[in-house]
């Protein structure tokens, strides 16, 4: 039996990388999925590849009106939303003294404010569905320190998850956060980072970086009814980095 049969999901940042991995697995497991991203060409291509149970809509996750439009269109196409994966995010790795206010506000808007907007906007639809699961993709930098801006936003996602879980439990809506470590995605391997990542992998207890699918398997569990008693919790997939 498909683990997400009857579920309607929205995955932000779903056009490529970890997001695309989540989308593919969700469709495979029986969900109807709205791929929400600013990358129109890649998002449309993925929807075409996956067939009638996947559609694409352009979403700027920092715009509340855009969120409302995407949720309304998802309901029109598939029915009330029962799963939201707040996956969209960007990285930034600059010293604090070199970070401009505009750069800081941009990463906070995309990584943090978008999660608030997504959780808030999807509540009416999940109430129609008589419950749901929100999965917020944070990072191990939501548990331990890292670059300014990125770390701040990912700690905030962790906190919003707990606040959201407490505030939405009476609607039957669960909220959990996922904290990936080093994952092999286009965002990670941009520029000259590939050699540095290979070197860093030597210090990971599992001695390798993760494939996106390894995160998707955890996201699938949280989206499914198998995790029906899990809410307000952090789920770490990092090869043992934060255990050291």
Protein backbone atom coordinates (compact mmCIF):
# COMPACT_ATOMS: atom_id res chain seq x y z
CA UNK A 1 0.00 0.00 0.00
CA UNK A 2 1.25 3.49 -0.88
CA UNK A 3 2.36 5.38 2.20
CA UNK A 4 0.90 8.73 1.07
CA UNK A 5 -2.26 7.52 -0.65
CA UNK A 6 -4.90 10.26 -0.52
CA UNK A 7 -2.44 12.98 0.54
CA UNK A 8 -2.14 16.35 -1.21
CA UNK A 9 1.27 17.96 -0.73
CA UNK A 10 3.01 21.23 -1.50
CA UNK A 11 6.81 21.13 -1.66
CA UNK A 12 8.59 24.48 -1.84
CA UNK A 13 11.90 24.64 -3.62
CA UNK A 14 10.68 21.47 -5.28
CA UNK A 15 12.17 21.96 -8.73
CA UNK A 16 15.63 20.57 -8.01
CA UNK A 17 17.98 19.22 -5.36
CA UNK A 18 16.45 17.89 -2.15
CA UNK A 19 13.07 19.36 -3.05
CA UNK A 20 12.88 17.41 -6.32
CA UNK A 21 13.90 14.28 -4.45
CA UNK A 22 11.02 14.80 -1.99
CA UNK A 23 8.58 15.38 -4.85
CA UNK A 24 9.59 12.21 -6.71
CA UNK A 25 9.28 10.04 -3.61
CA UNK A 26 5.94 11.57 -2.63
CA UNK A 27 4.46 10.88 -6.07
CA UNK A 28 5.86 7.36 -6.02
CA UNK A 29 4.15 6.80 -2.66
CA UNK A 30 0.74 7.94 -3.90
CA UNK A 31 0.57 11.66 -3.11
CA UNK A 32 -0.61 14.41 -5.43
CA UNK A 33 2.09 17.07 -5.33
CA UNK A 34 2.27 20.76 -6.18
CA UNK A 35 5.86 21.67 -7.02
CA UNK A 36 6.29 25.26 -5.85
CA UNK A 37 9.45 27.12 -6.86
CA UNK A 38 10.77 30.20 -8.62
CA UNK A 39 12.60 27.96 -11.13
CA UNK A 40 9.90 27.71 -13.78
CA UNK A 41 11.71 25.71 -16.47
CA UNK A 42 13.01 23.05 -14.06
CA UNK A 43 9.73 22.88 -12.17
CA UNK A 44 7.64 22.42 -15.31
CA UNK A 45 10.05 19.75 -16.59
CA UNK A 46 9.76 17.80 -13.34
CA UNK A 47 5.96 18.01 -13.38
CA UNK A 48 5.89 16.76 -16.97
CA UNK A 49 8.22 13.89 -16.06
CA UNK A 50 6.03 12.78 -13.15
CA UNK A 51 2.67 12.93 -14.90
CA UNK A 52 -0.84 13.80 -13.75
CA UNK A 53 -0.14 13.57 -10.00
CA UNK A 54 2.35 16.46 -10.08
CA UNK A 55 1.85 20.06 -11.15
CA UNK A 56 4.07 23.13 -11.01
CA UNK A 57 3.30 26.65 -9.84
CA UNK A 58 5.71 29.55 -9.51
CA UNK A 59 6.01 30.63 -5.87
CA UNK A 60 7.98 33.44 -4.29
CA UNK A 61 8.00 32.09 -0.74
CA UNK A 62 8.51 35.58 0.71
CA UNK A 63 5.15 36.88 -0.61
CA UNK A 64 2.01 36.09 1.41
CA UNK A 65 -0.35 36.78 -1.51
CA UNK A 66 1.62 34.36 -3.68
CA UNK A 67 1.29 31.69 -0.98
CA UNK A 68 -2.48 32.13 -0.91
CA UNK A 69 -2.67 31.81 -4.69
CA UNK A 70 -0.64 28.60 -4.73
CA UNK A 71 -2.73 27.01 -1.98
CA UNK A 72 -5.97 27.98 -3.76
CA UNK A 73 -4.70 26.53 -7.05
CA UNK A 74 -3.55 23.36 -5.30
CA UNK A 75 -7.02 22.90 -3.81
CA UNK A 76 -8.57 23.46 -7.23
CA UNK A 77 -6.27 20.88 -8.85
CA UNK A 78 -6.05 18.21 -6.15
CA UNK A 79 -8.16 19.10 -3.10
CA UNK A 80 -7.31 20.40 0.40
CA UNK A 81 -3.63 20.34 1.37
CA UNK A 82 -2.64 17.69 3.91
CA UNK A 83 1.18 17.98 3.69
CA UNK A 84 3.42 21.03 3.44
CA UNK A 85 7.18 20.71 3.10
CA UNK A 86 8.89 24.06 3.68
CA UNK A 87 12.04 23.15 1.79
CA UNK A 88 12.99 26.35 -0.05
CA UNK A 89 16.15 28.02 1.21
CA UNK A 90 19.46 29.60 0.31
CA UNK A 91 22.93 29.50 1.79
CA UNK A 92 25.30 32.31 2.64
CA UNK A 93 28.81 31.93 4.02
CA UNK A 94 30.34 35.32 4.76
CA UNK A 95 32.04 36.75 7.85
CA UNK A 96 29.69 38.91 9.91
CA UNK A 97 31.77 42.02 9.32
CA UNK A 98 31.42 41.61 5.55
CA UNK A 99 27.69 40.85 5.53
CA UNK A 100 25.48 43.73 4.42
CA UNK A 101 22.06 44.46 5.90
CA UNK A 102 20.46 43.68 2.53
CA UNK A 103 22.18 40.28 2.38
CA UNK A 104 21.15 39.48 5.93
CA UNK A 105 17.53 40.45 5.38
CA UNK A 106 17.38 38.42 2.15
CA UNK A 107 18.46 35.17 3.79
CA UNK A 108 16.12 35.75 6.74
CA UNK A 109 13.21 36.42 4.37
CA UNK A 110 13.81 33.30 2.27
CA UNK A 111 14.83 30.86 5.01
CA UNK A 112 12.77 32.09 7.95
CA UNK A 113 9.90 34.40 7.06
CA UNK A 114 8.83 32.03 4.27
CA UNK A 115 8.33 29.22 6.79
CA UNK A 116 6.09 31.44 8.91
CA UNK A 117 4.09 32.43 5.82
CA UNK A 118 3.77 28.84 4.65
CA UNK A 119 2.58 27.55 8.02
CA UNK A 120 0.12 30.41 8.45
CA UNK A 121 -1.25 30.22 4.92
CA UNK A 122 -1.84 26.47 4.83
CA UNK A 123 -3.87 26.27 8.05
CA UNK A 124 -7.32 26.88 6.47
CA UNK A 125 -6.68 24.21 3.84
CA UNK A 126 -5.44 21.68 6.41
CA UNK A 127 -8.50 22.37 8.54
CA UNK A 128 -10.62 21.40 5.51
CA UNK A 129 -8.53 18.22 5.26
CA UNK A 130 -9.20 17.62 8.98
CA UNK A 131 -5.51 17.61 9.83
CA UNK A 132 -2.11 17.55 8.25
CA UNK A 133 1.65 17.45 8.54
CA UNK A 134 4.03 20.37 8.13
CA UNK A 135 7.68 19.46 7.64
CA UNK A 136 10.11 22.35 8.00
CA UNK A 137 13.56 21.76 6.54
CA UNK A 138 16.09 23.32 8.89
CA UNK A 139 19.74 22.21 9.05
CA UNK A 140 22.31 20.95 11.50
CA UNK A 141 23.03 24.68 11.72
CA UNK A 142 19.70 24.92 13.47
CA UNK A 143 21.32 22.86 16.23
CA UNK A 144 24.96 24.00 16.21
CA UNK A 145 26.74 27.16 15.13
CA UNK A 146 27.74 28.12 11.60
CA UNK A 147 27.71 31.13 9.28
CA UNK A 148 25.88 34.28 10.32
CA UNK A 149 22.46 34.65 8.75
CA UNK A 150 22.15 31.04 7.68
CA UNK A 151 22.54 29.72 11.22
CA UNK A 152 20.21 32.38 12.61
CA UNK A 153 17.48 31.49 10.13
CA UNK A 154 17.80 27.74 10.68
CA UNK A 155 17.62 28.10 14.48
CA UNK A 156 14.48 30.19 13.91
CA UNK A 157 12.92 27.41 11.82
CA UNK A 158 13.52 25.04 14.73
CA UNK A 159 11.80 27.45 17.13
CA UNK A 160 8.88 28.16 14.80
CA UNK A 161 8.37 24.42 14.45
CA UNK A 162 7.91 24.01 18.19
CA UNK A 163 5.64 27.06 18.46
CA UNK A 164 3.62 25.88 15.47
CA UNK A 165 3.29 22.37 16.86
CA UNK A 166 1.84 23.69 20.12
CA UNK A 167 -0.44 26.16 18.40
CA UNK A 168 -1.83 23.77 15.78
CA UNK A 169 -2.13 20.48 17.64
CA UNK A 170 -5.82 21.06 18.38
CA UNK A 171 -6.49 21.13 14.62
CA UNK A 172 -4.81 17.77 14.16
CA UNK A 173 -1.89 19.47 12.41
CA UNK A 174 1.59 18.17 13.25
CA UNK A 175 4.75 20.25 12.76
CA UNK A 176 8.27 18.82 12.79
CA UNK A 177 11.70 19.97 11.64
CA UNK A 178 14.31 18.04 9.68
CA UNK A 179 17.98 18.86 10.16
CA UNK A 180 20.14 17.65 7.26
CA UNK A 181 23.90 17.62 7.45
CA UNK A 182 26.05 17.66 4.31
CA UNK A 183 23.84 16.62 1.39
CA UNK A 184 24.91 16.23 -2.22
CA UNK A 185 22.84 18.92 -3.93
CA UNK A 186 23.51 21.60 -6.59
CA UNK A 187 23.41 24.27 -3.84
CA UNK A 188 26.13 22.48 -1.88
CA UNK A 189 28.37 21.79 -4.85
CA UNK A 190 28.28 25.28 -6.35
CA UNK A 191 31.54 26.99 -7.33
CA UNK A 192 34.75 25.43 -6.09
CA UNK A 193 33.12 23.71 -3.11
CA UNK A 194 33.40 20.13 -4.40
CA UNK A 195 36.98 19.53 -3.25
CA UNK A 196 36.33 21.17 0.12
CA UNK A 197 33.28 18.95 0.64
CA UNK A 198 35.31 15.82 -0.14
CA UNK A 199 37.86 16.87 2.45
CA UNK A 200 35.17 17.65 5.03
CA UNK A 201 33.57 14.24 4.47
CA UNK A 202 36.62 12.64 6.09
CA UNK A 203 35.52 14.13 9.41
CA UNK A 204 31.92 12.85 9.20
CA UNK A 205 31.51 9.69 11.32
CA UNK A 206 29.86 7.94 8.34
CA UNK A 207 32.78 9.13 6.14
CA UNK A 208 30.57 10.42 3.32
CA UNK A 209 28.04 13.07 2.38
CA UNK A 210 24.41 12.03 2.06
CA UNK A 211 22.30 11.57 -1.04
CA UNK A 212 19.12 13.70 -1.21
CA UNK A 213 17.05 10.51 -1.14
CA UNK A 214 18.30 9.77 2.37
CA UNK A 215 16.68 12.98 3.57
CA UNK A 216 13.55 12.31 1.52
CA UNK A 217 12.99 8.99 3.28
CA UNK A 218 12.80 10.83 6.61
CA UNK A 219 10.54 13.56 5.16
CA UNK A 220 8.27 10.81 3.81
CA UNK A 221 7.94 9.29 7.27
CA UNK A 222 6.96 12.65 8.77
CA UNK A 223 4.48 13.36 5.98
CA UNK A 224 2.82 9.98 6.43
CA UNK A 225 0.46 8.77 9.13
CA UNK A 226 3.26 6.54 10.41
CA UNK A 227 4.51 9.53 12.42
CA UNK A 228 1.07 10.33 13.84
CA UNK A 229 2.37 10.90 17.40
CA UNK A 230 5.40 12.99 16.43
CA UNK A 231 5.08 16.76 16.60
CA UNK A 232 7.29 19.64 17.68
CA UNK A 233 10.42 17.52 17.30
CA UNK A 234 13.78 17.69 15.53
CA UNK A 235 14.78 14.84 13.21
CA UNK A 236 18.48 14.80 12.37
CA UNK A 237 19.98 13.20 9.26
CA UNK A 238 23.67 14.08 9.36
CA UNK A 239 25.81 10.93 9.40
CA UNK A 240 26.70 11.55 13.03
CA UNK A 241 28.16 15.07 12.78
CA UNK A 242 26.21 16.53 15.70
CA UNK A 243 26.88 13.45 17.83
CA UNK A 244 30.58 14.31 18.07
